[in-house]
C-alpha cells in the first residue's frame, strides 16, 4: 500500500466491533456526532489497514502493528495532532475490546502519545514595531487614536478585545497603569511606560473630543457614534497602518501581543512576570514564547560568535 492510498474497508466482524464500541462510548460519554464520526473514520481506516497489510483482525493486533500504522500515517503527511487523535481512538477501542472479552491484551499499552508540535507565534522585530507605531498620521484625530491604540496594545500586551473594550475609568495616567478585565473576568494591572502614556495623554487632549463630536462615551477609544469599536474595525485599521509602514509580514492584533512577550523575554524579563502581564492562568501557555526568544539567541550567537561555525547551518535549517 502506498503512502497516498487509503486502506480498504475493514472486515464485517471488525466493523461490528467498531459499531458496538461507538455505541458504548456514546452511552458512557455522550460524545458529539462530530467526535463519533472522527473516531469511526480513524478506526475503520486502521482496521482496514490491519487486515490488508497484516492479514489479521482487531482482536489479534500487536503493539508493533500499532507502531507501524502510526509510522505509515506520518509518511502520508498526517499531522501529529491528528495522529494523536487516532491513537486516542485506538486506546479507547482496545480497552473496551479487552474489557468485553473480544481481545486478550491491549496493543496500545506503552505506545507513547505523539508530541503535539505547537507552531511558534508569528512576531515582529523591534524595528518592525517602531515602523508600525510611527506610521499613523498623528496630525489627524483618527491618526492620533490609531497611534495611541497601537502604543497601548504593544506596551501592555493586550488582547484585542481588551483593547477595544477599555473605558476611561480603566486607565490612570498619573499612576501609569491600565486595569484590564481579562478572560474569566480576571483583573490585572499592567504598566504602560512613558511613551505609551505620552501618546494617550496627547490623544485625550487633541483627538478624542474631535472624534466624538456631540456624542458622549465611556470608551477610551470609541468607534462610530461613541460606541465600542469592533475588533474587525481595529483589525482593518491595523492592516492599513501596516501597509503605510511597509510591513508585508502576516499581521493581526495578536501579533503585537506576541511581540510584547517576545521582546520582554529577549531583554531578560522573568517568564512569570510575562505570564502575569499577559494574564495567562497557566505558565505553560506563556512558555511557548521562550522558544521564540531562544531562537533569537541562537541566531545572535551564530551571527556574532567567532566560533559559532556549524550553528549557522542549524539556524538556517530552523528558518527553512
C-alpha atoms as a PDB file:
ATOM      1  CA  UNK A   1       0.000   0.000   0.000  1.00  0.00           C
ATOM      2  CA  UNK A   2       1.486   3.379  -0.996  1.00  0.00           C
ATOM      3  CA  UNK A   3       1.582   6.454   1.196  1.00  0.00           C
ATOM      4  CA  UNK A   4      -1.117   8.150  -0.876  1.00  0.00           C
ATOM      5  CA  UNK A   5      -3.684   5.358  -0.954  1.00  0.00           C
ATOM      6  CA  UNK A   6      -6.236   4.691   1.736  1.00  0.00           C
ATOM      7  CA  UNK A   7      -6.789   1.172   3.042  1.00  0.00           C
ATOM      8  CA  UNK A   8      -9.841  -0.883   2.007  1.00  0.00           C
ATOM      9  CA  UNK A   9     -12.842  -1.236   4.327  1.00  0.00           C
ATOM     10  CA  UNK A  10     -12.459  -3.482   7.397  1.00  0.00           C
ATOM     11  CA  UNK A  11     -13.934  -6.940   7.650  1.00  0.00           C
ATOM     12  CA  UNK A  12     -17.588  -7.243   8.618  1.00  0.00           C
ATOM     13  CA  UNK A  13     -16.585  -8.663  12.019  1.00  0.00           C
ATOM     14  CA  UNK A  14     -14.326  -5.715  12.771  1.00  0.00           C
ATOM     15  CA  UNK A  15     -16.965  -3.264  11.560  1.00  0.00           C
ATOM     16  CA  UNK A  16     -19.471  -4.773  14.001  1.00  0.00           C
ATOM     17  CA  UNK A  17     -16.978  -4.400  16.849  1.00  0.00           C
ATOM     18  CA  UNK A  18     -16.287  -0.773  15.902  1.00  0.00           C
ATOM     19  CA  UNK A  19     -20.015  -0.003  15.787  1.00  0.00           C
ATOM     20  CA  UNK A  20     -20.524  -1.664  19.175  1.00  0.00           C
ATOM     21  CA  UNK A  21     -17.682   0.336  20.733  1.00  0.00           C
ATOM     22  CA  UNK A  22     -19.015   3.604  19.313  1.00  0.00           C
ATOM     23  CA  UNK A  23     -22.452   2.826  20.765  1.00  0.00           C
ATOM     24  CA  UNK A  24     -20.844   2.081  24.131  1.00  0.00           C
ATOM     25  CA  UNK A  25     -18.697   5.210  24.201  1.00  0.00           C
ATOM     26  CA  UNK A  26     -21.686   7.332  23.167  1.00  0.00           C
ATOM     27  CA  UNK A  27     -23.696   5.912  26.065  1.00  0.00           C
ATOM     28  CA  UNK A  28     -20.837   6.409  28.546  1.00  0.00           C
ATOM     29  CA  UNK A  29     -19.510   9.810  27.496  1.00  0.00           C
ATOM     30  CA  UNK A  30     -22.225  11.354  25.335  1.00  0.00           C
ATOM     31  CA  UNK A  31     -19.787  12.320  22.590  1.00  0.00           C
ATOM     32  CA  UNK A  32     -20.903  14.639  19.825  1.00  0.00           C
ATOM     33  CA  UNK A  33     -21.717  13.378  16.343  1.00  0.00           C
ATOM     34  CA  UNK A  34     -18.556  15.067  15.099  1.00  0.00           C
ATOM     35  CA  UNK A  35     -16.363  13.184  17.595  1.00  0.00           C
ATOM     36  CA  UNK A  36     -18.096   9.892  16.868  1.00  0.00           C
ATOM     37  CA  UNK A  37     -17.660  10.421  13.144  1.00  0.00           C
ATOM     38  CA  UNK A  38     -13.930  11.133  13.615  1.00  0.00           C
ATOM     39  CA  UNK A  39     -13.491   8.019  15.767  1.00  0.00           C
ATOM     40  CA  UNK A  40     -15.385   5.892  13.247  1.00  0.00           C
ATOM     41  CA  UNK A  41     -13.192   7.113  10.399  1.00  0.00           C
ATOM     42  CA  UNK A  42      -9.991   6.547  12.409  1.00  0.00           C
ATOM     43  CA  UNK A  43     -10.931   3.028  13.474  1.00  0.00           C
ATOM     44  CA  UNK A  44     -12.288   1.802  10.152  1.00  0.00           C
ATOM     45  CA  UNK A  45      -9.133   3.069   8.449  1.00  0.00           C
ATOM     46  CA  UNK A  46      -6.915   1.321  10.990  1.00  0.00           C
ATOM     47  CA  UNK A  47      -8.882  -1.939  10.837  1.00  0.00           C
ATOM     48  CA  UNK A  48      -8.784  -1.872   7.026  1.00  0.00           C
ATOM     49  CA  UNK A  49      -5.028  -1.235   7.060  1.00  0.00           C
ATOM     50  CA  UNK A  50      -4.504  -4.016   9.619  1.00  0.00           C
ATOM     51  CA  UNK A  51      -6.369  -6.574   7.532  1.00  0.00           C
ATOM     52  CA  UNK A  52      -4.872  -5.591   4.187  1.00  0.00           C
ATOM     53  CA  UNK A  53      -1.271  -5.243   5.407  1.00  0.00           C
ATOM     54  CA  UNK A  54      -1.123  -7.829   8.193  1.00  0.00           C
ATOM     55  CA  UNK A  55      -3.959 -10.192   7.264  1.00  0.00           C
ATOM     56  CA  UNK A  56      -5.403 -10.031  10.801  1.00  0.00           C
ATOM     57  CA  UNK A  57      -8.402  -8.511  12.567  1.00  0.00           C
ATOM     58  CA  UNK A  58      -8.510  -6.146  15.533  1.00  0.00           C
ATOM     59  CA  UNK A  59      -8.545  -8.905  18.177  1.00  0.00           C
ATOM     60  CA  UNK A  60      -5.106 -10.148  17.033  1.00  0.00           C
ATOM     61  CA  UNK A  61      -3.437  -6.744  16.741  1.00  0.00           C
ATOM     62  CA  UNK A  62       0.030  -6.383  18.299  1.00  0.00           C
ATOM     63  CA  UNK A  63       1.927  -3.350  19.571  1.00  0.00           C
ATOM     64  CA  UNK A  64       4.327  -3.410  16.614  1.00  0.00           C
ATOM     65  CA  UNK A  65       1.301  -3.210  14.286  1.00  0.00           C
ATOM     66  CA  UNK A  66       0.207  -0.023  16.025  1.00  0.00           C
ATOM     67  CA  UNK A  67       3.699   1.486  15.689  1.00  0.00           C
ATOM     68  CA  UNK A  68       3.864   0.523  12.020  1.00  0.00           C
ATOM     69  CA  UNK A  69       0.470   2.073  11.340  1.00  0.00           C
ATOM     70  CA  UNK A  70       1.381   5.347  13.074  1.00  0.00           C
ATOM     71  CA  UNK A  71       4.618   5.470  11.071  1.00  0.00           C
ATOM     72  CA  UNK A  72       2.614   4.975   7.866  1.00  0.00           C
ATOM     73  CA  UNK A  73       0.386   7.893   8.862  1.00  0.00           C
ATOM     74  CA  UNK A  74       3.389  10.156   9.386  1.00  0.00           C
ATOM     75  CA  UNK A  75       4.760   9.146   5.984  1.00  0.00           C
ATOM     76  CA  UNK A  76       1.432  10.197   4.476  1.00  0.00           C
ATOM     77  CA  UNK A  77       1.998  13.655   5.934  1.00  0.00           C
ATOM     78  CA  UNK A  78      -0.670  13.415   8.632  1.00  0.00           C
ATOM     79  CA  UNK A  79      -0.003  15.992  11.340  1.00  0.00           C
ATOM     80  CA  UNK A  80       0.961  14.994  14.871  1.00  0.00           C
ATOM     81  CA  UNK A  81      -2.295  16.244  16.354  1.00  0.00           C
ATOM     82  CA  UNK A  82      -4.345  14.049  14.031  1.00  0.00           C
ATOM     83  CA  UNK A  83      -2.135  11.025  14.722  1.00  0.00           C
ATOM     84  CA  UNK A  84      -2.569  11.646  18.450  1.00  0.00           C
ATOM     85  CA  UNK A  85      -6.345  11.660  17.995  1.00  0.00           C
ATOM     86  CA  UNK A  86      -6.164   8.382  16.071  1.00  0.00           C
ATOM     87  CA  UNK A  87      -4.113   6.784  18.831  1.00  0.00           C
ATOM     88  CA  UNK A  88      -6.649   8.027  21.371  1.00  0.00           C
ATOM     89  CA  UNK A  89      -9.417   6.285  19.417  1.00  0.00           C
ATOM     90  CA  UNK A  90      -7.375   3.077  19.266  1.00  0.00           C
ATOM     91  CA  UNK A  91      -6.714   3.178  23.010  1.00  0.00           C
ATOM     92  CA  UNK A  92     -10.384   3.573  23.821  1.00  0.00           C
ATOM     93  CA  UNK A  93     -11.459   0.832  21.456  1.00  0.00           C
ATOM     94  CA  UNK A  94      -8.849  -1.703  22.577  1.00  0.00           C
ATOM     95  CA  UNK A  95      -9.584  -1.104  26.256  1.00  0.00           C
ATOM     96  CA  UNK A  96     -13.230  -1.837  25.526  1.00  0.00           C
ATOM     97  CA  UNK A  97     -12.340  -4.935  23.470  1.00  0.00           C
ATOM     98  CA  UNK A  98     -10.229  -6.225  26.359  1.00  0.00           C
ATOM     99  CA  UNK A  99     -12.921  -5.455  28.928  1.00  0.00           C
ATOM    100  CA  UNK A 100     -15.629  -7.135  26.878  1.00  0.00           C
ATOM    101  CA  UNK A 101     -13.519 -10.239  26.208  1.00  0.00           C
ATOM    102  CA  UNK A 102     -13.070  -9.646  22.483  1.00  0.00           C
ATOM    103  CA  UNK A 103      -9.262  -9.355  22.819  1.00  0.00           C
ATOM    104  CA  UNK A 104      -6.694 -10.923  25.143  1.00  0.00           C
ATOM    105  CA  UNK A 105      -4.477  -7.833  25.515  1.00  0.00           C
ATOM    106  CA  UNK A 106      -4.243  -4.127  24.713  1.00  0.00           C
ATOM    107  CA  UNK A 107      -1.632  -3.438  21.992  1.00  0.00           C
ATOM    108  CA  UNK A 108      -1.716   0.332  22.695  1.00  0.00           C
ATOM    109  CA  UNK A 109      -0.190  -0.095  26.147  1.00  0.00           C
ATOM    110  CA  UNK A 110       3.217   1.623  26.378  1.00  0.00           C
ATOM    111  CA  UNK A 111       2.699   3.269  22.992  1.00  0.00           C
ATOM    112  CA  UNK A 112       3.678   6.880  23.637  1.00  0.00           C
ATOM    113  CA  UNK A 113       1.340   9.655  22.632  1.00  0.00           C
ATOM    114  CA  UNK A 114       2.817  11.671  19.740  1.00  0.00           C
ATOM    115  CA  UNK A 115       4.075  15.024  20.920  1.00  0.00           C
ATOM    116  CA  UNK A 116       1.988  17.807  19.509  1.00  0.00           C
ATOM    117  CA  UNK A 117       4.171  20.450  17.907  1.00  0.00           C
ATOM    118  CA  UNK A 118       2.901  23.939  18.580  1.00  0.00           C
ATOM    119  CA  UNK A 119       3.783  26.420  15.838  1.00  0.00           C
ATOM    120  CA  UNK A 120       5.742  29.375  17.108  1.00  0.00           C
ATOM    121  CA  UNK A 121       3.602  32.507  17.183  1.00  0.00           C
ATOM    122  CA  UNK A 122       4.280  34.978  14.399  1.00  0.00           C
ATOM    123  CA  UNK A 123       6.040  38.036  15.740  1.00  0.00           C
ATOM    124  CA  UNK A 124       7.623  41.314  14.689  1.00  0.00           C
ATOM    125  CA  UNK A 125      11.137  42.581  15.179  1.00  0.00           C
ATOM    126  CA  UNK A 126      11.640  45.657  17.328  1.00  0.00           C
ATOM    127  CA  UNK A 127      12.372  47.618  14.145  1.00  0.00           C
ATOM    128  CA  UNK A 128       9.077  46.396  12.653  1.00  0.00           C
ATOM    129  CA  UNK A 129       7.205  47.601  15.726  1.00  0.00           C
ATOM    130  CA  UNK A 130       8.899  51.008  15.617  1.00  0.00           C
ATOM    131  CA  UNK A 131       7.911  51.385  11.953  1.00  0.00           C
ATOM    132  CA  UNK A 132       4.345  50.321  12.690  1.00  0.00           C
ATOM    133  CA  UNK A 133       3.943  52.721  15.610  1.00  0.00           C
ATOM    134  CA  UNK A 134       5.341  55.614  13.601  1.00  0.00           C
ATOM    135  CA  UNK A 135       3.065  55.035  10.584  1.00  0.00           C
ATOM    136  CA  UNK A 136      -0.255  56.699  11.618  1.00  0.00           C
ATOM    137  CA  UNK A 137      -0.723  60.334  10.598  1.00  0.00           C
ATOM    138  CA  UNK A 138      -0.815  61.952  14.034  1.00  0.00           C
ATOM    139  CA  UNK A 139      -1.763  65.309  12.532  1.00  0.00           C
ATOM    140  CA  UNK A 140      -5.336  63.966  12.356  1.00  0.00           C
ATOM    141  CA  UNK A 141      -7.610  62.892  15.236  1.00  0.00           C
ATOM    142  CA  UNK A 142      -8.019  59.443  13.668  1.00  0.00           C
ATOM    143  CA  UNK A 143      -4.279  59.008  13.310  1.00  0.00           C
ATOM    144  CA  UNK A 144      -3.771  60.115  16.908  1.00  0.00           C
ATOM    145  CA  UNK A 145      -6.260  57.499  18.063  1.00  0.00           C
ATOM    146  CA  UNK A 146      -4.568  54.789  15.981  1.00  0.00           C
ATOM    147  CA  UNK A 147      -1.125  55.716  17.347  1.00  0.00           C
ATOM    148  CA  UNK A 148      -2.385  55.695  20.953  1.00  0.00           C
ATOM    149  CA  UNK A 149      -4.133  52.338  20.472  1.00  0.00           C
ATOM    150  CA  UNK A 150      -1.053  50.731  18.940  1.00  0.00           C
ATOM    151  CA  UNK A 151       1.157  52.111  21.702  1.00  0.00           C
ATOM    152  CA  UNK A 152      -1.151  50.712  24.394  1.00  0.00           C
ATOM    153  CA  UNK A 153      -1.507  47.372  22.603  1.00  0.00           C
ATOM    154  CA  UNK A 154       2.261  46.904  22.387  1.00  0.00           C
ATOM    155  CA  UNK A 155       3.143  48.447  25.761  1.00  0.00           C
ATOM    156  CA  UNK A 156       0.659  46.292  27.696  1.00  0.00           C
ATOM    157  CA  UNK A 157       0.435  43.155  25.540  1.00  0.00           C
ATOM    158  CA  UNK A 158      -3.355  43.296  25.461  1.00  0.00           C
ATOM    159  CA  UNK A 159      -5.779  41.038  23.663  1.00  0.00           C
ATOM    160  CA  UNK A 160      -7.664  42.980  21.001  1.00  0.00           C
ATOM    161  CA  UNK A 161     -10.948  42.510  22.888  1.00  0.00           C
ATOM    162  CA  UNK A 162      -9.308  44.030  25.984  1.00  0.00           C
ATOM    163  CA  UNK A 163      -8.015  46.977  23.961  1.00  0.00           C
ATOM    164  CA  UNK A 164     -11.257  47.959  22.233  1.00  0.00           C
ATOM    165  CA  UNK A 165     -13.185  47.440  25.485  1.00  0.00           C
ATOM    166  CA  UNK A 166     -11.092  49.871  27.547  1.00  0.00           C
ATOM    167  CA  UNK A 167     -13.066  52.595  29.310  1.00  0.00           C
ATOM    168  CA  UNK A 168     -11.871  55.941  30.629  1.00  0.00           C
ATOM    169  CA  UNK A 169     -12.022  54.577  34.188  1.00  0.00           C
ATOM    170  CA  UNK A 170      -9.576  51.749  33.432  1.00  0.00           C
ATOM    171  CA  UNK A 171      -6.549  53.934  32.736  1.00  0.00           C
ATOM    172  CA  UNK A 172      -4.619  56.095  35.170  1.00  0.00           C
ATOM    173  CA  UNK A 173      -2.176  58.486  33.543  1.00  0.00           C
ATOM    174  CA  UNK A 174      -0.942  59.611  36.956  1.00  0.00           C
ATOM    175  CA  UNK A 175      -0.097  56.080  38.104  1.00  0.00           C
ATOM    176  CA  UNK A 176       0.917  54.903  34.650  1.00  0.00           C
ATOM    177  CA  UNK A 177      -1.309  51.831  34.849  1.00  0.00           C
ATOM    178  CA  UNK A 178      -4.149  50.264  32.936  1.00  0.00           C
ATOM    179  CA  UNK A 179      -6.631  47.972  34.687  1.00  0.00           C
ATOM    180  CA  UNK A 180      -7.575  45.060  32.458  1.00  0.00           C
ATOM    181  CA  UNK A 181     -10.590  42.792  32.821  1.00  0.00           C
ATOM    182  CA  UNK A 182      -9.435  39.667  31.041  1.00  0.00           C
ATOM    183  CA  UNK A 183     -10.759  36.181  30.396  1.00  0.00           C
ATOM    184  CA  UNK A 184     -12.996  34.831  33.148  1.00  0.00           C
ATOM    185  CA  UNK A 185     -13.414  38.402  34.456  1.00  0.00           C
ATOM    186  CA  UNK A 186      -9.920  38.188  35.972  1.00  0.00           C
ATOM    187  CA  UNK A 187      -8.447  41.587  36.714  1.00  0.00           C
ATOM    188  CA  UNK A 188      -4.817  42.588  36.286  1.00  0.00           C
ATOM    189  CA  UNK A 189      -2.869  45.859  36.468  1.00  0.00           C
ATOM    190  CA  UNK A 190      -0.366  46.469  33.676  1.00  0.00           C
ATOM    191  CA  UNK A 191       2.139  49.351  33.495  1.00  0.00           C
ATOM    192  CA  UNK A 192       2.153  51.315  30.252  1.00  0.00           C
ATOM    193  CA  UNK A 193       5.515  53.044  30.116  1.00  0.00           C
ATOM    194  CA  UNK A 194       6.318  56.681  29.347  1.00  0.00           C
ATOM    195  CA  UNK A 195       5.969  56.508  25.561  1.00  0.00           C
ATOM    196  CA  UNK A 196       2.503  54.968  25.567  1.00  0.00           C
ATOM    197  CA  UNK A 197       1.333  57.273  28.366  1.00  0.00           C
ATOM    198  CA  UNK A 198       2.543  60.331  26.444  1.00  0.00           C
ATOM    199  CA  UNK A 199       0.628  59.309  23.313  1.00  0.00           C
ATOM    200  CA  UNK A 200      -2.545  58.505  25.247  1.00  0.00           C
ATOM    201  CA  UNK A 201      -2.340  61.886  27.009  1.00  0.00           C
ATOM    202  CA  UNK A 202      -1.912  63.701  23.686  1.00  0.00           C
ATOM    203  CA  UNK A 203      -4.781  61.736  22.138  1.00  0.00           C
ATOM    204  CA  UNK A 204      -7.049  62.672  25.066  1.00  0.00           C
ATOM    205  CA  UNK A 205      -6.071  66.346  24.746  1.00  0.00           C
ATOM    206  CA  UNK A 206      -6.174  66.724  20.978  1.00  0.00           C
ATOM    207  CA  UNK A 207      -8.076  63.861  19.358  1.00  0.00           C
ATOM    208  CA  UNK A 208     -10.781  62.149  21.361  1.00  0.00           C
ATOM    209  CA  UNK A 209     -13.207  65.068  21.651  1.00  0.00           C
ATOM    210  CA  UNK A 210     -12.946  65.791  17.927  1.00  0.00           C
ATOM    211  CA  UNK A 211     -13.701  62.162  17.105  1.00  0.00           C
ATOM    212  CA  UNK A 212     -16.724  62.089  19.408  1.00  0.00           C
ATOM    213  CA  UNK A 213     -18.220  65.385  18.255  1.00  0.00           C
ATOM    214  CA  UNK A 214     -21.508  65.820  20.104  1.00  0.00           C
ATOM    215  CA  UNK A 215     -21.639  62.183  21.237  1.00  0.00           C
ATOM    216  CA  UNK A 216     -20.657  61.033  24.701  1.00  0.00           C
ATOM    217  CA  UNK A 217     -18.919  57.795  25.512  1.00  0.00           C
ATOM    218  CA  UNK A 218     -17.148  55.962  28.323  1.00  0.00           C
ATOM    219  CA  UNK A 219     -14.915  54.171  25.827  1.00  0.00           C
ATOM    220  CA  UNK A 220     -11.267  55.215  25.825  1.00  0.00           C
ATOM    221  CA  UNK A 221     -11.033  54.552  22.082  1.00  0.00           C
ATOM    222  CA  UNK A 222     -14.602  54.997  20.806  1.00  0.00           C
ATOM    223  CA  UNK A 223     -15.790  53.931  17.412  1.00  0.00           C
ATOM    224  CA  UNK A 224     -18.506  55.492  15.306  1.00  0.00           C
ATOM    225  CA  UNK A 225     -21.069  57.455  17.366  1.00  0.00           C
ATOM    226  CA  UNK A 226     -19.188  56.780  20.605  1.00  0.00           C
ATOM    227  CA  UNK A 227     -19.928  53.047  20.554  1.00  0.00           C
ATOM    228  CA  UNK A 228     -17.275  50.465  21.377  1.00  0.00           C
ATOM    229  CA  UNK A 229     -15.050  49.849  18.390  1.00  0.00           C
ATOM    230  CA  UNK A 230     -15.394  46.350  16.966  1.00  0.00           C
ATOM    231  CA  UNK A 231     -12.402  44.048  16.754  1.00  0.00           C
ATOM    232  CA  UNK A 232     -12.906  43.873  12.990  1.00  0.00           C
ATOM    233  CA  UNK A 233     -12.664  47.666  12.702  1.00  0.00           C
ATOM    234  CA  UNK A 234      -9.400  47.759  14.607  1.00  0.00           C
ATOM    235  CA  UNK A 235      -8.036  44.879  12.525  1.00  0.00           C
ATOM    236  CA  UNK A 236      -8.876  46.868   9.382  1.00  0.00           C
ATOM    237  CA  UNK A 237      -7.146  49.967  10.770  1.00  0.00           C
ATOM    238  CA  UNK A 238      -4.097  47.876  11.680  1.00  0.00           C
ATOM    239  CA  UNK A 239      -3.837  46.464   8.157  1.00  0.00           C
ATOM    240  CA  UNK A 240      -3.926  49.989   6.743  1.00  0.00           C
ATOM    241  CA  UNK A 241      -1.187  51.138   9.100  1.00  0.00           C
ATOM    242  CA  UNK A 242       0.923  48.084   8.229  1.00  0.00           C
ATOM    243  CA  UNK A 243       0.748  48.975   4.528  1.00  0.00           C
ATOM    244  CA  UNK A 244       1.826  52.537   5.345  1.00  0.00           C
ATOM    245  CA  UNK A 245       4.733  51.153   7.391  1.00  0.00           C
ATOM    246  CA  UNK A 246       5.821  48.860   4.559  1.00  0.00           C
ATOM    247  CA  UNK A 247       5.338  45.699   6.631  1.00  0.00           C
ATOM    248  CA  UNK A 248       4.474  42.729   4.438  1.00  0.00           C
ATOM    249  CA  UNK A 249       4.569  40.047   7.162  1.00  0.00           C
ATOM    250  CA  UNK A 250       1.284  38.386   8.178  1.00  0.00           C
ATOM    251  CA  UNK A 251      -0.130  40.705  10.800  1.00  0.00           C
ATOM    252  CA  UNK A 252      -3.010  40.709  13.261  1.00  0.00           C
ATOM    253  CA  UNK A 253      -3.676  42.473  16.571  1.00  0.00           C
ATOM    254  CA  UNK A 254      -2.443  39.322  18.309  1.00  0.00           C
ATOM    255  CA  UNK A 255       0.917  39.690  16.553  1.00  0.00           C
ATOM    256  CA  UNK A 256       1.678  42.752  18.687  1.00  0.00           C
ATOM    257  CA  UNK A 257       0.786  40.774  21.816  1.00  0.00           C
ATOM    258  CA  UNK A 258       3.281  38.122  20.702  1.00  0.00           C
ATOM    259  CA  UNK A 259       5.874  40.835  20.042  1.00  0.00           C
ATOM    260  CA  UNK A 260       5.284  42.296  23.527  1.00  0.00           C
ATOM    261  CA  UNK A 261       6.018  38.935  25.179  1.00  0.00           C
ATOM    262  CA  UNK A 262       8.943  38.029  22.934  1.00  0.00           C
ATOM    263  CA  UNK A 263      10.684  41.383  23.276  1.00  0.00           C
ATOM    264  CA  UNK A 264      10.327  41.330  27.063  1.00  0.00           C
ATOM    265  CA  UNK A 265      11.961  37.901  27.213  1.00  0.00           C
ATOM    266  CA  UNK A 266      14.678  38.957  24.780  1.00  0.00           C
ATOM    267  CA  UNK A 267      15.555  41.768  27.190  1.00  0.00           C
ATOM    268  CA  UNK A 268      15.759  39.463  30.188  1.00  0.00           C
ATOM    269  CA  UNK A 269      12.261  39.578  31.698  1.00  0.00           C
ATOM    270  CA  UNK A 270      11.276  36.727  34.003  1.00  0.00           C
ATOM    271  CA  UNK A 271       8.810  34.286  32.458  1.00  0.00           C
ATOM    272  CA  UNK A 272       6.450  34.507  35.439  1.00  0.00           C
ATOM    273  CA  UNK A 273       6.340  38.282  35.150  1.00  0.00           C
ATOM    274  CA  UNK A 274       5.405  37.964  31.478  1.00  0.00           C
ATOM    275  CA  UNK A 275       2.725  35.448  32.493  1.00  0.00           C
ATOM    276  CA  UNK A 276       1.186  37.982  34.895  1.00  0.00           C
ATOM    277  CA  UNK A 277       1.317  40.798  32.353  1.00  0.00           C
ATOM    278  CA  UNK A 278      -0.342  38.658  29.664  1.00  0.00           C
ATOM    279  CA  UNK A 279      -2.989  37.395  32.070  1.00  0.00           C
ATOM    280  CA  UNK A 280      -2.248  33.716  31.427  1.00  0.00           C
ATOM    281  CA  UNK A 281      -3.685  31.367  34.047  1.00  0.00           C
ATOM    282  CA  UNK A 282      -1.034  28.707  33.393  1.00  0.00           C
ATOM    283  CA  UNK A 283       2.674  29.231  32.925  1.00  0.00           C
ATOM    284  CA  UNK A 284       2.650  26.556  30.205  1.00  0.00           C
ATOM    285  CA  UNK A 285       0.656  28.945  27.986  1.00  0.00           C
ATOM    286  CA  UNK A 286       3.425  31.535  28.296  1.00  0.00           C
ATOM    287  CA  UNK A 287       6.293  29.095  27.803  1.00  0.00           C
ATOM    288  CA  UNK A 288       5.843  28.991  24.030  1.00  0.00           C
ATOM    289  CA  UNK A 289       7.419  32.450  23.932  1.00  0.00           C
ATOM    290  CA  UNK A 290      10.635  31.085  25.402  1.00  0.00           C
ATOM    291  CA  UNK A 291      11.112  29.125  22.164  1.00  0.00           C
ATOM    292  CA  UNK A 292      10.904  32.365  20.198  1.00  0.00           C
ATOM    293  CA  UNK A 293      13.415  34.051  22.496  1.00  0.00           C
ATOM    294  CA  UNK A 294      15.767  31.061  22.416  1.00  0.00           C
ATOM    295  CA  UNK A 295      15.629  31.011  18.622  1.00  0.00           C
ATOM    296  CA  UNK A 296      16.668  34.673  18.583  1.00  0.00           C
ATOM    297  CA  UNK A 297      19.533  33.968  20.997  1.00  0.00           C
ATOM    298  CA  UNK A 298      20.748  31.125  18.764  1.00  0.00           C
ATOM    299  CA  UNK A 299      20.660  33.394  15.730  1.00  0.00           C
ATOM    300  CA  UNK A 300      22.531  36.196  17.505  1.00  0.00           C
ATOM    301  CA  UNK A 301      25.144  33.724  18.718  1.00  0.00           C
ATOM    302  CA  UNK A 302      25.531  32.311  15.214  1.00  0.00           C
ATOM    303  CA  UNK A 303      25.933  35.780  13.723  1.00  0.00           C
ATOM    304  CA  UNK A 304      28.367  37.253  16.233  1.00  0.00           C
ATOM    305  CA  UNK A 305      30.326  34.492  17.984  1.00  0.00           C
ATOM    306  CA  UNK A 306      33.692  33.876  16.275  1.00  0.00           C
ATOM    307  CA  UNK A 307      33.458  30.115  16.804  1.00  0.00           C
ATOM    308  CA  UNK A 308      29.754  29.633  16.020  1.00  0.00           C
ATOM    309  CA  UNK A 309      30.626  27.573  12.931  1.00  0.00           C
ATOM    310  CA  UNK A 310      28.081  24.793  12.388  1.00  0.00           C
ATOM    311  CA  UNK A 311      25.441  26.597  14.417  1.00  0.00           C
ATOM    312  CA  UNK A 312      24.898  28.899  11.461  1.00  0.00           C
ATOM    313  CA  UNK A 313      23.801  25.881   9.436  1.00  0.00           C
ATOM    314  CA  UNK A 314      21.491  24.721  12.219  1.00  0.00           C
ATOM    315  CA  UNK A 315      19.825  28.104  12.490  1.00  0.00           C
ATOM    316  CA  UNK A 316      19.483  28.351   8.724  1.00  0.00           C
ATOM    317  CA  UNK A 317      17.704  24.988   8.703  1.00  0.00           C
ATOM    318  CA  UNK A 318      15.428  26.188  11.535  1.00  0.00           C
ATOM    319  CA  UNK A 319      14.377  29.092   9.324  1.00  0.00           C
ATOM    320  CA  UNK A 320      13.679  26.860   6.319  1.00  0.00           C
END
